[in-house]
Amino acid sequence: MSVAKVIEITASSSKGFEDAISQGIARAAETVDGIQGAWVAEQKVVVSGGKVSEYRVTMKVSFLLGGGEPKAKNGKSKKR
């Protein structure tokens, strides 16, 4: 049985929405194992001097919860 959890994160970039998404997922993956997917819940821009200065995304990121049998390096369950 698999159980997933969903967290909400916000990321920003001066380059564009795609870069904000990539940076947000990369940063989340540094501390969250088992990320399975994400969906963009909101997109916003910061305007400065009449120009877009920052792109922001709010994402819902899903990941599998750990637990059950410990996994070996080959991905198979270890016997206790």
C-alpha atoms as a PDB file:
ATOM      1  CA  MET A   1       0.000   0.000   0.000  1.00  0.00           C
ATOM      2  CA  SER A   2       1.241   3.484  -0.838  1.00  0.00           C
ATOM      3  CA  VAL A   3       0.241   6.681   0.914  1.00  0.00           C
ATOM      4  CA  ALA A   4       1.078  10.112  -0.459  1.00  0.00           C
ATOM      5  CA  LYS A   5       1.232  13.501   1.197  1.00  0.00           C
ATOM      6  CA  VAL A   6       0.777  16.882  -0.491  1.00  0.00           C
ATOM      7  CA  ILE A   7       2.628  20.026   0.555  1.00  0.00           C
ATOM      8  CA  GLU A   8       2.358  23.540  -0.825  1.00  0.00           C
ATOM      9  CA  ILE A   9       5.473  25.477  -1.800  1.00  0.00           C
ATOM     10  CA  THR A  10       6.117  28.859  -3.409  1.00  0.00           C
ATOM     11  CA  ALA A  11       9.118  29.551  -5.627  1.00  0.00           C
ATOM     12  CA  SER A  12      10.285  32.556  -7.599  1.00  0.00           C
ATOM     13  CA  SER A  13      12.584  33.410 -10.481  1.00  0.00           C
ATOM     14  CA  SER A  14      13.599  36.494 -12.398  1.00  0.00           C
ATOM     15  CA  LYS A  15      13.763  34.376 -15.594  1.00  0.00           C
ATOM     16  CA  GLY A  16      10.241  32.959 -15.931  1.00  0.00           C
ATOM     17  CA  PHE A  17       7.573  30.610 -14.645  1.00  0.00           C
ATOM     18  CA  GLU A  18       9.307  27.451 -15.908  1.00  0.00           C
ATOM     19  CA  ASP A  19      12.494  28.401 -14.076  1.00  0.00           C
ATOM     20  CA  ALA A  20      10.532  29.097 -10.883  1.00  0.00           C
ATOM     21  CA  ILE A  21       8.920  25.644 -11.162  1.00  0.00           C
ATOM     22  CA  SER A  22      12.268  23.912 -11.765  1.00  0.00           C
ATOM     23  CA  GLN A  23      13.961  25.735  -8.892  1.00  0.00           C
ATOM     24  CA  GLY A  24      11.072  25.023  -6.526  1.00  0.00           C
ATOM     25  CA  ILE A  25      11.067  21.297  -7.275  1.00  0.00           C
ATOM     26  CA  ALA A  26      14.866  21.093  -7.057  1.00  0.00           C
ATOM     27  CA  ARG A  27      14.862  22.825  -3.669  1.00  0.00           C
ATOM     28  CA  ALA A  28      12.015  20.674  -2.314  1.00  0.00           C
ATOM     29  CA  ALA A  29      13.850  17.524  -3.453  1.00  0.00           C
ATOM     30  CA  GLU A  30      16.802  18.494  -1.218  1.00  0.00           C
ATOM     31  CA  THR A  31      14.706  17.781   1.880  1.00  0.00           C
ATOM     32  CA  VAL A  32      11.739  15.691   0.690  1.00  0.00           C
ATOM     33  CA  ASP A  33      12.234  12.140  -0.588  1.00  0.00           C
ATOM     34  CA  GLY A  34       9.925  10.385  -3.005  1.00  0.00           C
ATOM     35  CA  ILE A  35       8.474  13.365  -4.885  1.00  0.00           C
ATOM     36  CA  GLN A  36       6.013  11.945  -7.407  1.00  0.00           C
ATOM     37  CA  GLY A  37       4.572  15.043  -9.026  1.00  0.00           C
ATOM     38  CA  ALA A  38       3.375  18.610  -8.675  1.00  0.00           C
ATOM     39  CA  TRP A  39       0.764  20.915 -10.046  1.00  0.00           C
ATOM     40  CA  VAL A  40       0.833  24.682 -10.277  1.00  0.00           C
ATOM     41  CA  ALA A  41      -1.964  26.149  -8.189  1.00  0.00           C
ATOM     42  CA  GLU A  42      -1.160  29.807  -8.829  1.00  0.00           C
ATOM     43  CA  GLN A  43       1.070  32.018 -10.942  1.00  0.00           C
ATOM     44  CA  LYS A  44       1.884  35.631 -10.069  1.00  0.00           C
ATOM     45  CA  VAL A  45       4.268  38.294 -11.250  1.00  0.00           C
ATOM     46  CA  VAL A  46       5.921  41.188  -9.448  1.00  0.00           C
ATOM     47  CA  VAL A  47       5.935  44.390 -11.465  1.00  0.00           C
ATOM     48  CA  SER A  48       8.575  47.054 -10.970  1.00  0.00           C
ATOM     49  CA  GLY A  49       8.843  50.171 -13.101  1.00  0.00           C
ATOM     50  CA  GLY A  50       6.161  48.907 -15.456  1.00  0.00           C
ATOM     51  CA  LYS A  51       8.060  45.655 -16.175  1.00  0.00           C
ATOM     52  CA  VAL A  52       7.859  42.143 -14.802  1.00  0.00           C
ATOM     53  CA  SER A  53      10.710  41.744 -12.315  1.00  0.00           C
ATOM     54  CA  GLU A  54       9.845  38.394 -10.757  1.00  0.00           C
ATOM     55  CA  TYR A  55       7.773  35.316 -11.593  1.00  0.00           C
ATOM     56  CA  ARG A  56       6.205  33.396  -8.710  1.00  0.00           C
ATOM     57  CA  VAL A  57       4.483  30.031  -8.610  1.00  0.00           C
ATOM     58  CA  THR A  58       2.644  28.273  -5.846  1.00  0.00           C
ATOM     59  CA  MET A  59       2.721  24.515  -6.310  1.00  0.00           C
ATOM     60  CA  LYS A  60       1.210  21.509  -4.625  1.00  0.00           C
ATOM     61  CA  VAL A  61       3.892  18.809  -4.452  1.00  0.00           C
ATOM     62  CA  SER A  62       3.019  15.172  -3.779  1.00  0.00           C
ATOM     63  CA  PHE A  63       5.391  12.588  -2.349  1.00  0.00           C
ATOM     64  CA  LEU A  64       5.141   9.076  -1.002  1.00  0.00           C
ATOM     65  CA  LEU A  65       5.312   8.622   2.732  1.00  0.00           C
ATOM     66  CA  GLY A  66       8.038   6.326   3.990  1.00  0.00           C
ATOM     67  CA  GLY A  67       7.441   3.438   6.309  1.00  0.00           C
ATOM     68  CA  GLY A  68       6.795  -0.228   6.118  1.00  0.00           C
ATOM     69  CA  GLU A  69       9.734  -2.454   5.286  1.00  0.00           C
ATOM     70  CA  PRO A  70      13.117  -0.745   4.925  1.00  0.00           C
ATOM     71  CA  LYS A  71      14.391  -0.712   1.357  1.00  0.00           C
ATOM     72  CA  ALA A  72      17.761  -2.038   0.234  1.00  0.00           C
ATOM     73  CA  LYS A  73      19.843  -0.062  -2.242  1.00  0.00           C
ATOM     74  CA  ASN A  74      18.402  -2.167  -5.058  1.00  0.00           C
ATOM     75  CA  GLY A  75      14.856  -1.044  -4.106  1.00  0.00           C
ATOM     76  CA  LYS A  76      13.746  -4.432  -2.736  1.00  0.00           C
ATOM     77  CA  SER A  77      12.456  -4.821   0.804  1.00  0.00           C
ATOM     78  CA  LYS A  78      14.938  -5.992   3.433  1.00  0.00           C
ATOM     79  CA  LYS A  79      13.960  -8.792   5.793  1.00  0.00           C
ATOM     80  CA  ARG A  80      14.185  -7.846   9.449  1.00  0.00           C
END
